[in-house]
Amino acid sequence: AVCGGVGGWAVSLFAVPFLTNGLLGDGRRSCTIEMLMTAPVADWEVVLGKYIGSAIYVLCLIAPAFLQILVVRVYGVPEWGPVISACIGLVLLVLFLISIGLFFSSISKHVLVAVMLSFVAFMLLLFLGLLVPESPPAIETGNVFSNIVHYLFAVLRYASLEHYYNFFEGVVNTRDVVFFVSGTAFFLFLSTLAVESRKWK
């Protein structure tokens, strides 16, 4: 899976926190965000505009990862299924991580804090599937504690970036697509709430 190579992952996990840290945080710290908030635009439009601009910029940065496909096509005969699925997964992953970085930028005045929070969140999501063991299936007649632990582990594993691995292996699963799309929408919603909350301060 060419698109899932080191280049795309490196930009996604290490560059995105630095590229998104000042989207809303700098404006909040320098008080220029007030000028934007008094403009005739809705809060969600401000957040969406910042998000789309960042997404275009980051996707341009990882474009060389997609260009590898041309090299493989010239010197070999790739299996297009895994290649295309990996590219789709990489795009969904990047869009998801940008929404997380935008959220932390919206709640922090300090650039360094936003970077660190974003990076920690990325690493946590990346290793969550490895750190959280699979619990045994919940038993209807079992004790309550075992069932709670089972569902807690299931939720934590679902929240991890293991969903990307399926794309990398050539599988486009609706469950994985829904995870990235809904996760992106969720963090954009949180960012909008954070921007709206400033009006009450």
N, C-alpha and C. Protein backbone atom coordinates (compact mmCIF):
# COMPACT_ATOMS: atom_id res chain seq x y z
N ALA A 1 0.85 -1.18 0.00
CA ALA A 1 0.00 0.00 0.00
C ALA A 1 0.89 1.23 0.00
N VAL A 2 1.09 1.78 -1.19
CA VAL A 2 2.05 2.87 -1.35
C VAL A 2 1.65 4.09 -0.55
N CYS A 3 0.39 4.49 -0.62
CA CYS A 3 -0.04 5.72 0.02
C CYS A 3 0.04 5.65 1.53
N GLY A 4 0.13 4.48 2.08
CA GLY A 4 0.22 4.36 3.53
C GLY A 4 1.64 4.31 4.01
N GLY A 5 2.57 4.80 3.21
CA GLY A 5 3.97 4.74 3.55
C GLY A 5 4.35 5.68 4.67
N VAL A 6 5.66 5.71 4.94
CA VAL A 6 6.19 6.49 6.04
C VAL A 6 5.93 7.97 5.84
N GLY A 7 6.01 8.45 4.59
CA GLY A 7 5.84 9.87 4.33
C GLY A 7 4.50 10.39 4.78
N GLY A 8 3.43 9.69 4.39
CA GLY A 8 2.09 10.13 4.78
C GLY A 8 1.88 10.08 6.27
N TRP A 9 2.34 8.99 6.91
CA TRP A 9 2.18 8.87 8.36
C TRP A 9 2.96 9.93 9.09
N ALA A 10 4.19 10.20 8.66
CA ALA A 10 5.03 11.18 9.35
C ALA A 10 4.39 12.56 9.33
N VAL A 11 3.91 12.96 8.16
CA VAL A 11 3.26 14.27 8.06
C VAL A 11 2.00 14.31 8.92
N SER A 12 1.24 13.23 8.89
CA SER A 12 -0.03 13.20 9.62
C SER A 12 0.19 13.31 11.12
N LEU A 13 1.11 12.53 11.66
CA LEU A 13 1.27 12.45 13.10
C LEU A 13 2.16 13.54 13.70
N PHE A 14 3.11 14.03 12.92
CA PHE A 14 4.06 14.98 13.47
C PHE A 14 3.87 16.41 12.96
N ALA A 15 3.45 16.56 11.73
CA ALA A 15 3.31 17.91 11.17
C ALA A 15 1.96 18.54 11.48
N VAL A 16 0.91 17.73 11.52
CA VAL A 16 -0.43 18.28 11.72
C VAL A 16 -0.55 19.08 13.02
N PRO A 17 0.00 18.62 14.17
CA PRO A 17 -0.10 19.44 15.38
C PRO A 17 0.51 20.83 15.21
N PHE A 18 1.63 20.92 14.50
CA PHE A 18 2.28 22.22 14.31
C PHE A 18 1.54 23.08 13.29
N LEU A 19 0.87 22.44 12.34
CA LEU A 19 0.16 23.19 11.31
C LEU A 19 -1.20 23.70 11.78
N THR A 20 -1.75 23.06 12.79
CA THR A 20 -3.08 23.44 13.26
C THR A 20 -3.05 24.22 14.57
N ASN A 21 -1.88 24.33 15.21
CA ASN A 21 -1.85 24.92 16.55
C ASN A 21 -2.26 26.38 16.59
N GLY A 22 -2.00 27.13 15.51
CA GLY A 22 -2.30 28.56 15.54
C GLY A 22 -3.57 28.94 14.80
N LEU A 23 -4.36 27.98 14.38
CA LEU A 23 -5.55 28.29 13.59
C LEU A 23 -6.52 29.19 14.36
N LEU A 24 -6.78 28.83 15.61
CA LEU A 24 -7.67 29.63 16.44
C LEU A 24 -6.97 30.14 17.69
N GLY A 25 -5.93 29.46 18.12
CA GLY A 25 -5.22 29.85 19.33
C GLY A 25 -4.50 31.17 19.20
N ASP A 26 -3.82 31.39 18.08
CA ASP A 26 -3.10 32.64 17.88
C ASP A 26 -4.04 33.82 17.84
N GLY A 27 -5.16 33.64 17.14
CA GLY A 27 -6.13 34.72 17.07
C GLY A 27 -6.71 35.05 18.43
N ARG A 28 -6.87 34.03 19.24
CA ARG A 28 -7.40 34.24 20.59
C ARG A 28 -6.39 34.97 21.45
N ARG A 29 -5.12 34.61 21.33
CA ARG A 29 -4.08 35.22 22.16
C ARG A 29 -3.79 36.65 21.73
N SER A 30 -3.82 36.91 20.43
CA SER A 30 -3.52 38.26 19.93
C SER A 30 -4.76 39.13 19.81
N CYS A 31 -5.92 38.58 20.19
CA CYS A 31 -7.19 39.30 20.18
C CYS A 31 -7.69 39.63 18.77
N THR A 32 -7.08 39.06 17.75
CA THR A 32 -7.59 39.29 16.39
C THR A 32 -8.82 38.45 16.10
N ILE A 33 -9.05 37.43 16.94
CA ILE A 33 -10.21 36.58 16.73
C ILE A 33 -11.50 37.37 16.94
N GLU A 34 -11.44 38.41 17.81
CA GLU A 34 -12.63 39.22 18.05
C GLU A 34 -13.09 39.91 16.77
N MET A 35 -12.13 40.35 15.95
CA MET A 35 -12.48 40.98 14.69
C MET A 35 -13.21 40.00 13.77
N LEU A 36 -12.72 38.76 13.78
CA LEU A 36 -13.34 37.74 12.95
C LEU A 36 -14.73 37.38 13.45
N MET A 37 -14.88 37.34 14.78
CA MET A 37 -16.16 36.94 15.35
C MET A 37 -17.23 38.01 15.17
N THR A 38 -16.81 39.26 14.98
CA THR A 38 -17.79 40.33 14.76
C THR A 38 -18.14 40.48 13.28
N ALA A 39 -17.46 39.73 12.42
CA ALA A 39 -17.79 39.75 11.00
C ALA A 39 -19.12 39.04 10.77
N PRO A 40 -19.80 39.35 9.67
CA PRO A 40 -21.11 38.73 9.40
C PRO A 40 -21.01 37.29 8.92
N VAL A 41 -20.37 36.46 9.72
CA VAL A 41 -20.26 35.03 9.42
C VAL A 41 -20.61 34.25 10.68
N ALA A 42 -21.15 33.07 10.48
CA ALA A 42 -21.52 32.22 11.61
C ALA A 42 -20.27 31.56 12.20
N ASP A 43 -20.39 31.13 13.45
CA ASP A 43 -19.25 30.48 14.12
C ASP A 43 -18.82 29.22 13.38
N TRP A 44 -19.80 28.44 12.92
CA TRP A 44 -19.45 27.20 12.23
C TRP A 44 -18.75 27.49 10.90
N GLU A 45 -19.06 28.63 10.30
CA GLU A 45 -18.39 29.01 9.05
C GLU A 45 -16.93 29.36 9.30
N VAL A 46 -16.66 30.00 10.44
CA VAL A 46 -15.27 30.31 10.82
C VAL A 46 -14.48 29.02 11.00
N VAL A 47 -15.06 28.09 11.76
CA VAL A 47 -14.39 26.81 12.02
C VAL A 47 -14.21 26.03 10.73
N LEU A 48 -15.25 25.97 9.92
CA LEU A 48 -15.17 25.20 8.68
C LEU A 48 -14.17 25.82 7.71
N GLY A 49 -14.11 27.15 7.66
CA GLY A 49 -13.14 27.81 6.79
C GLY A 49 -11.71 27.50 7.20
N LYS A 50 -11.44 27.55 8.51
CA LYS A 50 -10.11 27.21 9.02
C LYS A 50 -9.77 25.76 8.70
N TYR A 51 -10.77 24.90 8.86
CA TYR A 51 -10.55 23.47 8.64
C TYR A 51 -10.26 23.17 7.18
N ILE A 52 -11.05 23.73 6.28
CA ILE A 52 -10.87 23.46 4.85
C ILE A 52 -9.51 23.98 4.38
N GLY A 53 -9.14 25.17 4.83
CA GLY A 53 -7.83 25.71 4.45
C GLY A 53 -6.69 24.83 4.92
N SER A 54 -6.77 24.35 6.16
CA SER A 54 -5.73 23.47 6.69
C SER A 54 -5.71 22.14 5.96
N ALA A 55 -6.90 21.61 5.65
CA ALA A 55 -6.97 20.33 4.96
C ALA A 55 -6.32 20.41 3.59
N ILE A 56 -6.59 21.46 2.86
CA ILE A 56 -5.98 21.63 1.53
C ILE A 56 -4.48 21.72 1.64
N TYR A 57 -4.01 22.48 2.64
CA TYR A 57 -2.56 22.67 2.81
C TYR A 57 -1.87 21.35 3.16
N VAL A 58 -2.45 20.60 4.10
CA VAL A 58 -1.82 19.34 4.51
C VAL A 58 -1.86 18.31 3.40
N LEU A 59 -2.97 18.25 2.67
CA LEU A 59 -3.07 17.30 1.56
C LEU A 59 -2.03 17.62 0.48
N CYS A 60 -1.73 18.89 0.30
CA CYS A 60 -0.68 19.27 -0.65
C CYS A 60 0.68 18.79 -0.14
N LEU A 61 0.88 18.81 1.17
CA LEU A 61 2.15 18.36 1.74
C LEU A 61 2.35 16.86 1.57
N ILE A 62 1.27 16.09 1.65
CA ILE A 62 1.41 14.64 1.53
C ILE A 62 1.24 14.18 0.09
N ALA A 63 1.10 15.11 -0.84
CA ALA A 63 0.94 14.75 -2.24
C ALA A 63 2.07 13.85 -2.76
N PRO A 64 3.34 14.08 -2.33
CA PRO A 64 4.42 13.18 -2.80
C PRO A 64 4.16 11.71 -2.48
N ALA A 65 3.42 11.44 -1.38
CA ALA A 65 3.10 10.05 -1.06
C ALA A 65 2.22 9.42 -2.14
N PHE A 66 1.35 10.24 -2.72
CA PHE A 66 0.49 9.76 -3.80
C PHE A 66 1.26 9.63 -5.11
N LEU A 67 2.29 10.46 -5.27
CA LEU A 67 3.08 10.40 -6.49
C LEU A 67 3.88 9.10 -6.58
N GLN A 68 4.07 8.44 -5.46
CA GLN A 68 4.77 7.16 -5.48
C GLN A 68 4.03 6.13 -6.34
N ILE A 69 2.74 6.33 -6.46
CA ILE A 69 1.95 5.40 -7.27
C ILE A 69 2.44 5.40 -8.71
N LEU A 70 2.78 6.59 -9.21
CA LEU A 70 3.26 6.69 -10.59
C LEU A 70 4.57 5.94 -10.77
N VAL A 71 5.43 6.02 -9.77
CA VAL A 71 6.71 5.32 -9.84
C VAL A 71 6.49 3.82 -9.86
N VAL A 72 5.60 3.35 -8.99
CA VAL A 72 5.30 1.92 -8.95
C VAL A 72 4.66 1.46 -10.25
N ARG A 73 3.83 2.32 -10.81
CA ARG A 73 3.15 1.98 -12.06
C ARG A 73 4.14 1.84 -13.21
N VAL A 74 5.18 2.66 -13.21
CA VAL A 74 6.18 2.62 -14.29
C VAL A 74 7.05 1.38 -14.18
N TYR A 75 7.46 1.03 -12.95
CA TYR A 75 8.42 -0.05 -12.77
C TYR A 75 7.79 -1.37 -12.33
N GLY A 76 6.47 -1.40 -12.25
CA GLY A 76 5.85 -2.65 -11.82
C GLY A 76 4.36 -2.65 -12.13
N VAL A 77 3.72 -3.70 -11.66
CA VAL A 77 2.28 -3.84 -11.85
C VAL A 77 1.65 -3.97 -10.46
N PRO A 78 1.26 -2.83 -9.85
CA PRO A 78 0.72 -2.88 -8.49
C PRO A 78 -0.70 -3.44 -8.45
N GLU A 79 -1.08 -3.93 -7.28
CA GLU A 79 -2.46 -4.32 -7.05
C GLU A 79 -3.23 -3.06 -6.69
N TRP A 80 -4.08 -2.62 -7.60
CA TRP A 80 -4.72 -1.33 -7.44
C TRP A 80 -5.70 -1.29 -6.29
N GLY A 81 -6.26 -2.40 -5.92
CA GLY A 81 -7.21 -2.42 -4.80
C GLY A 81 -6.59 -1.90 -3.51
N PRO A 82 -5.52 -2.53 -3.02
CA PRO A 82 -4.87 -2.05 -1.80
C PRO A 82 -4.31 -0.63 -1.92
N VAL A 83 -3.82 -0.28 -3.11
CA VAL A 83 -3.25 1.06 -3.31
C VAL A 83 -4.33 2.13 -3.15
N ILE A 84 -5.46 1.92 -3.81
CA ILE A 84 -6.54 2.90 -3.74
C ILE A 84 -7.13 2.97 -2.34
N SER A 85 -7.31 1.82 -1.70
CA SER A 85 -7.88 1.83 -0.34
C SER A 85 -6.94 2.51 0.64
N ALA A 86 -5.63 2.30 0.47
CA ALA A 86 -4.67 2.96 1.36
C ALA A 86 -4.70 4.46 1.17
N CYS A 87 -4.87 4.92 -0.06
CA CYS A 87 -4.96 6.37 -0.32
C CYS A 87 -6.21 6.95 0.30
N ILE A 88 -7.32 6.24 0.19
CA ILE A 88 -8.57 6.70 0.81
C ILE A 88 -8.41 6.77 2.32
N GLY A 89 -7.78 5.74 2.89
CA GLY A 89 -7.57 5.72 4.33
C GLY A 89 -6.68 6.84 4.80
N LEU A 90 -5.63 7.14 4.03
CA LEU A 90 -4.71 8.20 4.41
C LEU A 90 -5.41 9.56 4.41
N VAL A 91 -6.23 9.80 3.40
CA VAL A 91 -6.96 11.07 3.33
C VAL A 91 -7.93 11.19 4.51
N LEU A 92 -8.66 10.12 4.79
CA LEU A 92 -9.59 10.15 5.91
C LEU A 92 -8.86 10.35 7.23
N LEU A 93 -7.71 9.71 7.38
CA LEU A 93 -6.91 9.86 8.60
C LEU A 93 -6.44 11.29 8.77
N VAL A 94 -5.92 11.89 7.71
CA VAL A 94 -5.43 13.27 7.77
C VAL A 94 -6.56 14.23 8.13
N LEU A 95 -7.71 14.07 7.49
CA LEU A 95 -8.84 14.95 7.78
C LEU A 95 -9.30 14.81 9.23
N PHE A 96 -9.25 13.60 9.74
CA PHE A 96 -9.63 13.35 11.13
C PHE A 96 -8.64 14.01 12.09
N LEU A 97 -7.35 13.86 11.84
CA LEU A 97 -6.35 14.43 12.73
C LEU A 97 -6.37 15.95 12.70
N ILE A 98 -6.64 16.53 11.54
CA ILE A 98 -6.73 17.99 11.44
C ILE A 98 -7.88 18.51 12.31
N SER A 99 -9.00 17.81 12.31
CA SER A 99 -10.13 18.24 13.14
C SER A 99 -9.77 18.20 14.62
N ILE A 100 -8.97 17.21 15.03
CA ILE A 100 -8.53 17.13 16.42
C ILE A 100 -7.60 18.30 16.74
N GLY A 101 -6.64 18.56 15.85
CA GLY A 101 -5.73 19.68 16.06
C GLY A 101 -6.45 21.01 16.13
N LEU A 102 -7.46 21.18 15.29
CA LEU A 102 -8.26 22.40 15.30
C LEU A 102 -9.00 22.56 16.62
N PHE A 103 -9.50 21.47 17.15
CA PHE A 103 -10.20 21.53 18.43
C PHE A 103 -9.28 22.01 19.55
N PHE A 104 -8.10 21.42 19.64
CA PHE A 104 -7.19 21.82 20.71
C PHE A 104 -6.70 23.26 20.51
N SER A 105 -6.62 23.69 19.28
CA SER A 105 -6.27 25.08 19.02
C SER A 105 -7.38 26.02 19.48
N SER A 106 -8.63 25.56 19.41
CA SER A 106 -9.77 26.41 19.78
C SER A 106 -9.91 26.57 21.29
N ILE A 107 -9.34 25.65 22.07
CA ILE A 107 -9.50 25.71 23.52
C ILE A 107 -8.25 26.20 24.23
N SER A 108 -7.20 26.50 23.50
CA SER A 108 -5.95 26.92 24.13
C SER A 108 -5.45 28.22 23.52
N LYS A 109 -5.00 29.14 24.40
CA LYS A 109 -4.42 30.39 23.94
C LYS A 109 -2.95 30.22 23.56
N HIS A 110 -2.32 29.19 24.11
CA HIS A 110 -0.88 29.00 23.94
C HIS A 110 -0.61 27.96 22.86
N VAL A 111 0.24 28.35 21.93
CA VAL A 111 0.55 27.48 20.80
C VAL A 111 1.19 26.18 21.25
N LEU A 112 2.15 26.25 22.16
CA LEU A 112 2.86 25.06 22.60
C LEU A 112 1.92 24.07 23.28
N VAL A 113 0.99 24.59 24.06
CA VAL A 113 0.03 23.71 24.73
C VAL A 113 -0.84 22.99 23.70
N ALA A 114 -1.28 23.71 22.68
CA ALA A 114 -2.10 23.10 21.64
C ALA A 114 -1.32 22.02 20.90
N VAL A 115 -0.06 22.28 20.63
CA VAL A 115 0.79 21.29 19.94
C VAL A 115 0.94 20.04 20.78
N MET A 116 1.25 20.21 22.06
CA MET A 116 1.46 19.06 22.93
C MET A 116 0.18 18.25 23.12
N LEU A 117 -0.94 18.94 23.30
CA LEU A 117 -2.21 18.22 23.48
C LEU A 117 -2.57 17.44 22.22
N SER A 118 -2.36 18.05 21.06
CA SER A 118 -2.66 17.37 19.81
C SER A 118 -1.77 16.15 19.62
N PHE A 119 -0.49 16.33 19.90
CA PHE A 119 0.46 15.23 19.71
C PHE A 119 0.16 14.07 20.67
N VAL A 120 -0.13 14.39 21.92
CA VAL A 120 -0.47 13.35 22.89
C VAL A 120 -1.74 12.62 22.46
N ALA A 121 -2.73 13.37 21.98
CA ALA A 121 -3.98 12.75 21.53
C ALA A 121 -3.72 11.82 20.34
N PHE A 122 -2.87 12.25 19.41
CA PHE A 122 -2.55 11.43 18.24
C PHE A 122 -1.88 10.13 18.67
N MET A 123 -0.88 10.25 19.57
CA MET A 123 -0.16 9.06 20.01
C MET A 123 -1.07 8.12 20.80
N LEU A 124 -1.97 8.71 21.60
CA LEU A 124 -2.89 7.88 22.37
C LEU A 124 -3.81 7.10 21.46
N LEU A 125 -4.35 7.76 20.45
CA LEU A 125 -5.23 7.07 19.50
C LEU A 125 -4.47 6.02 18.69
N LEU A 126 -3.20 6.31 18.41
CA LEU A 126 -2.40 5.39 17.62
C LEU A 126 -2.11 4.10 18.37
N PHE A 127 -1.79 4.22 19.66
CA PHE A 127 -1.40 3.04 20.44
C PHE A 127 -2.53 2.47 21.29
N LEU A 128 -3.70 3.08 21.22
CA LEU A 128 -4.81 2.62 22.05
C LEU A 128 -5.19 1.18 21.74
N GLY A 129 -5.21 0.85 20.46
CA GLY A 129 -5.56 -0.51 20.09
C GLY A 129 -4.54 -1.54 20.54
N LEU A 130 -3.28 -1.11 20.70
CA LEU A 130 -2.24 -2.03 21.15
C LEU A 130 -2.19 -2.14 22.67
N LEU A 131 -2.51 -1.05 23.36
CA LEU A 131 -2.42 -1.03 24.82
C LEU A 131 -3.63 -1.65 25.49
N VAL A 132 -4.78 -1.52 24.84
CA VAL A 132 -6.02 -2.05 25.44
C VAL A 132 -6.22 -3.49 24.97
N PRO A 133 -6.18 -4.45 25.88
CA PRO A 133 -6.35 -5.86 25.46
C PRO A 133 -7.79 -6.15 25.11
N GLU A 134 -7.97 -7.19 24.32
CA GLU A 134 -9.32 -7.64 23.99
C GLU A 134 -9.89 -8.42 25.17
N SER A 135 -11.03 -8.00 25.64
CA SER A 135 -11.67 -8.69 26.76
C SER A 135 -12.50 -9.85 26.23
N PRO A 136 -12.78 -10.83 27.05
CA PRO A 136 -13.63 -11.94 26.62
C PRO A 136 -15.04 -11.45 26.33
N PRO A 137 -15.78 -12.16 25.49
CA PRO A 137 -17.15 -11.74 25.15
C PRO A 137 -18.01 -11.56 26.40
N ALA A 138 -18.86 -10.56 26.36
CA ALA A 138 -19.77 -10.33 27.49
C ALA A 138 -20.76 -11.47 27.60
N ILE A 139 -21.00 -11.91 28.80
CA ILE A 139 -21.93 -13.01 29.06
C ILE A 139 -23.18 -12.44 29.70
N GLU A 140 -24.31 -12.76 29.10
CA GLU A 140 -25.57 -12.19 29.59
C GLU A 140 -25.81 -12.54 31.06
N THR A 141 -25.44 -13.75 31.46
CA THR A 141 -25.68 -14.17 32.84
C THR A 141 -24.49 -13.91 33.74
N GLY A 142 -23.43 -13.30 33.20
CA GLY A 142 -22.24 -13.06 33.99
C GLY A 142 -22.43 -11.89 34.93
N ASN A 143 -21.39 -11.61 35.71
CA ASN A 143 -21.50 -10.51 36.65
C ASN A 143 -21.42 -9.17 35.92
N VAL A 144 -21.92 -8.14 36.54
CA VAL A 144 -22.02 -6.82 35.92
C VAL A 144 -20.64 -6.25 35.62
N PHE A 145 -19.68 -6.47 36.53
CA PHE A 145 -18.35 -5.89 36.35
C PHE A 145 -17.67 -6.40 35.08
N SER A 146 -17.77 -7.71 34.82
CA SER A 146 -17.13 -8.27 33.64
C SER A 146 -17.73 -7.70 32.37
N ASN A 147 -19.03 -7.48 32.36
CA ASN A 147 -19.68 -6.92 31.19
C ASN A 147 -19.28 -5.46 30.98
N ILE A 148 -19.18 -4.70 32.08
CA ILE A 148 -18.77 -3.30 31.98
C ILE A 148 -17.35 -3.20 31.43
N VAL A 149 -16.46 -4.05 31.94
CA VAL A 149 -15.08 -4.06 31.46
C VAL A 149 -15.03 -4.42 29.98
N HIS A 150 -15.84 -5.39 29.59
CA HIS A 150 -15.86 -5.80 28.18
C HIS A 150 -16.25 -4.64 27.28
N TYR A 151 -17.34 -3.97 27.61
CA TYR A 151 -17.82 -2.87 26.76
C TYR A 151 -16.89 -1.67 26.81
N LEU A 152 -16.25 -1.45 27.95
CA LEU A 152 -15.28 -0.36 28.06
C LEU A 152 -14.09 -0.61 27.13
N PHE A 153 -13.58 -1.83 27.15
CA PHE A 153 -12.47 -2.18 26.26
C PHE A 153 -12.89 -2.07 24.80
N ALA A 154 -14.12 -2.50 24.51
CA ALA A 154 -14.60 -2.44 23.13
C ALA A 154 -14.69 -1.00 22.64
N VAL A 155 -15.14 -0.09 23.50
CA VAL A 155 -15.24 1.32 23.13
C VAL A 155 -13.85 1.92 22.91
N LEU A 156 -12.92 1.60 23.80
CA LEU A 156 -11.56 2.13 23.69
C LEU A 156 -10.88 1.64 22.42
N ARG A 157 -11.06 0.37 22.11
CA ARG A 157 -10.45 -0.17 20.90
C ARG A 157 -11.10 0.42 19.65
N TYR A 158 -12.39 0.67 19.73
CA TYR A 158 -13.08 1.28 18.58
C TYR A 158 -12.58 2.71 18.35
N ALA A 159 -12.20 3.40 19.43
CA ALA A 159 -11.74 4.78 19.32
C ALA A 159 -10.31 4.90 18.82
N SER A 160 -9.61 3.78 18.66
CA SER A 160 -8.22 3.82 18.23
C SER A 160 -8.12 3.97 16.72
N LEU A 161 -6.90 4.19 16.26
CA LEU A 161 -6.66 4.34 14.83
C LEU A 161 -6.46 3.00 14.13
N GLU A 162 -6.88 1.92 14.79
CA GLU A 162 -6.83 0.61 14.14
C GLU A 162 -7.67 0.57 12.87
N HIS A 163 -8.62 1.48 12.77
CA HIS A 163 -9.47 1.53 11.58
C HIS A 163 -8.66 1.79 10.32
N TYR A 164 -7.54 2.49 10.48
CA TYR A 164 -6.72 2.78 9.31
C TYR A 164 -6.02 1.54 8.79
N TYR A 165 -5.72 0.60 9.67
CA TYR A 165 -5.00 -0.60 9.25
C TYR A 165 -5.78 -1.38 8.21
N ASN A 166 -7.10 -1.37 8.31
CA ASN A 166 -7.92 -2.09 7.32
C ASN A 166 -7.74 -1.48 5.93
N PHE A 167 -7.70 -0.14 5.84
CA PHE A 167 -7.45 0.51 4.56
C PHE A 167 -6.07 0.12 4.03
N PHE A 168 -5.10 0.08 4.93
CA PHE A 168 -3.73 -0.25 4.55
C PHE A 168 -3.64 -1.67 4.00
N GLU A 169 -4.52 -2.55 4.47
CA GLU A 169 -4.52 -3.94 4.01
C GLU A 169 -5.41 -4.16 2.80
N GLY A 170 -6.01 -3.08 2.30
CA GLY A 170 -6.82 -3.19 1.09
C GLY A 170 -8.29 -3.40 1.31
N VAL A 171 -8.77 -3.14 2.53
CA VAL A 171 -10.18 -3.34 2.85
C VAL A 171 -10.83 -2.00 3.15
N VAL A 172 -11.85 -1.64 2.36
CA VAL A 172 -12.63 -0.43 2.61
C VAL A 172 -13.92 -0.85 3.28
N ASN A 173 -13.97 -0.66 4.59
CA ASN A 173 -15.11 -1.10 5.39
C ASN A 173 -15.95 0.12 5.76
N THR A 174 -17.26 -0.01 5.63
CA THR A 174 -18.16 1.09 5.97
C THR A 174 -17.98 1.51 7.43
N ARG A 175 -17.72 0.57 8.30
CA ARG A 175 -17.52 0.86 9.72
C ARG A 175 -16.33 1.78 9.93
N ASP A 176 -15.27 1.56 9.18
CA ASP A 176 -14.08 2.40 9.32
C ASP A 176 -14.31 3.79 8.73
N VAL A 177 -15.00 3.85 7.61
CA VAL A 177 -15.31 5.15 7.00
C VAL A 177 -16.18 5.98 7.93
N VAL A 178 -17.19 5.33 8.53
CA VAL A 178 -18.08 6.02 9.45
C VAL A 178 -17.30 6.55 10.65
N PHE A 179 -16.33 5.77 11.13
CA PHE A 179 -15.53 6.21 12.28
C PHE A 179 -14.81 7.52 11.97
N PHE A 180 -14.11 7.59 10.84
CA PHE A 180 -13.35 8.78 10.51
C PHE A 180 -14.27 9.97 10.21
N VAL A 181 -15.33 9.73 9.47
CA VAL A 181 -16.23 10.83 9.10
C VAL A 181 -16.96 11.37 10.34
N SER A 182 -17.49 10.48 11.15
CA SER A 182 -18.20 10.92 12.36
C SER A 182 -17.24 11.55 13.36
N GLY A 183 -16.02 11.00 13.47
CA GLY A 183 -15.03 11.58 14.37
C GLY A 183 -14.64 12.99 13.94
N THR A 184 -14.47 13.19 12.64
CA THR A 184 -14.14 14.52 12.12
C THR A 184 -15.27 15.49 12.41
N ALA A 185 -16.51 15.08 12.14
CA ALA A 185 -17.67 15.94 12.40
C ALA A 185 -17.80 16.25 13.89
N PHE A 186 -17.49 15.28 14.74
CA PHE A 186 -17.59 15.47 16.19
C PHE A 186 -16.62 16.54 16.67
N PHE A 187 -15.37 16.46 16.24
CA PHE A 187 -14.38 17.44 16.70
C PHE A 187 -14.61 18.82 16.09
N LEU A 188 -15.15 18.87 14.89
CA LEU A 188 -15.53 20.17 14.31
C LEU A 188 -16.68 20.78 15.12
N PHE A 189 -17.59 19.94 15.56
CA PHE A 189 -18.69 20.41 16.40
C PHE A 189 -18.17 20.94 17.72
N LEU A 190 -17.22 20.23 18.34
CA LEU A 190 -16.62 20.70 19.59
C LEU A 190 -15.88 22.02 19.39
N SER A 191 -15.19 22.15 18.26
CA SER A 191 -14.49 23.41 17.97
C SER A 191 -15.47 24.56 17.83
N THR A 192 -16.61 24.30 17.20
CA THR A 192 -17.63 25.34 17.05
C THR A 192 -18.19 25.75 18.41
N LEU A 193 -18.40 24.78 19.29
CA LEU A 193 -18.88 25.09 20.63
C LEU A 193 -17.85 25.92 21.39
N ALA A 194 -16.55 25.59 21.22
CA ALA A 194 -15.51 26.34 21.89
C ALA A 194 -15.46 27.79 21.40
N VAL A 195 -15.65 27.98 20.10
CA VAL A 195 -15.66 29.34 19.55
C VAL A 195 -16.88 30.11 20.04
N GLU A 196 -18.02 29.45 20.08
CA GLU A 196 -19.24 30.10 20.55
C GLU A 196 -19.15 30.49 22.02
N SER A 197 -18.45 29.67 22.81
CA SER A 197 -18.36 29.94 24.25
C SER A 197 -17.62 31.24 24.54
N ARG A 198 -16.79 31.71 23.63
CA ARG A 198 -16.04 32.95 23.86
C ARG A 198 -16.96 34.15 23.91
N LYS A 199 -18.10 34.05 23.27
CA LYS A 199 -19.03 35.18 23.26
C LYS A 199 -19.63 35.42 24.64
N TRP A 200 -19.57 34.40 25.49
CA TRP A 200 -20.17 34.52 26.82
C TRP A 200 -19.16 34.85 27.87
N LYS A 201 -17.90 35.10 27.45
CA LYS A 201 -16.85 35.44 28.40
C LYS A 201 -16.57 36.93 28.40
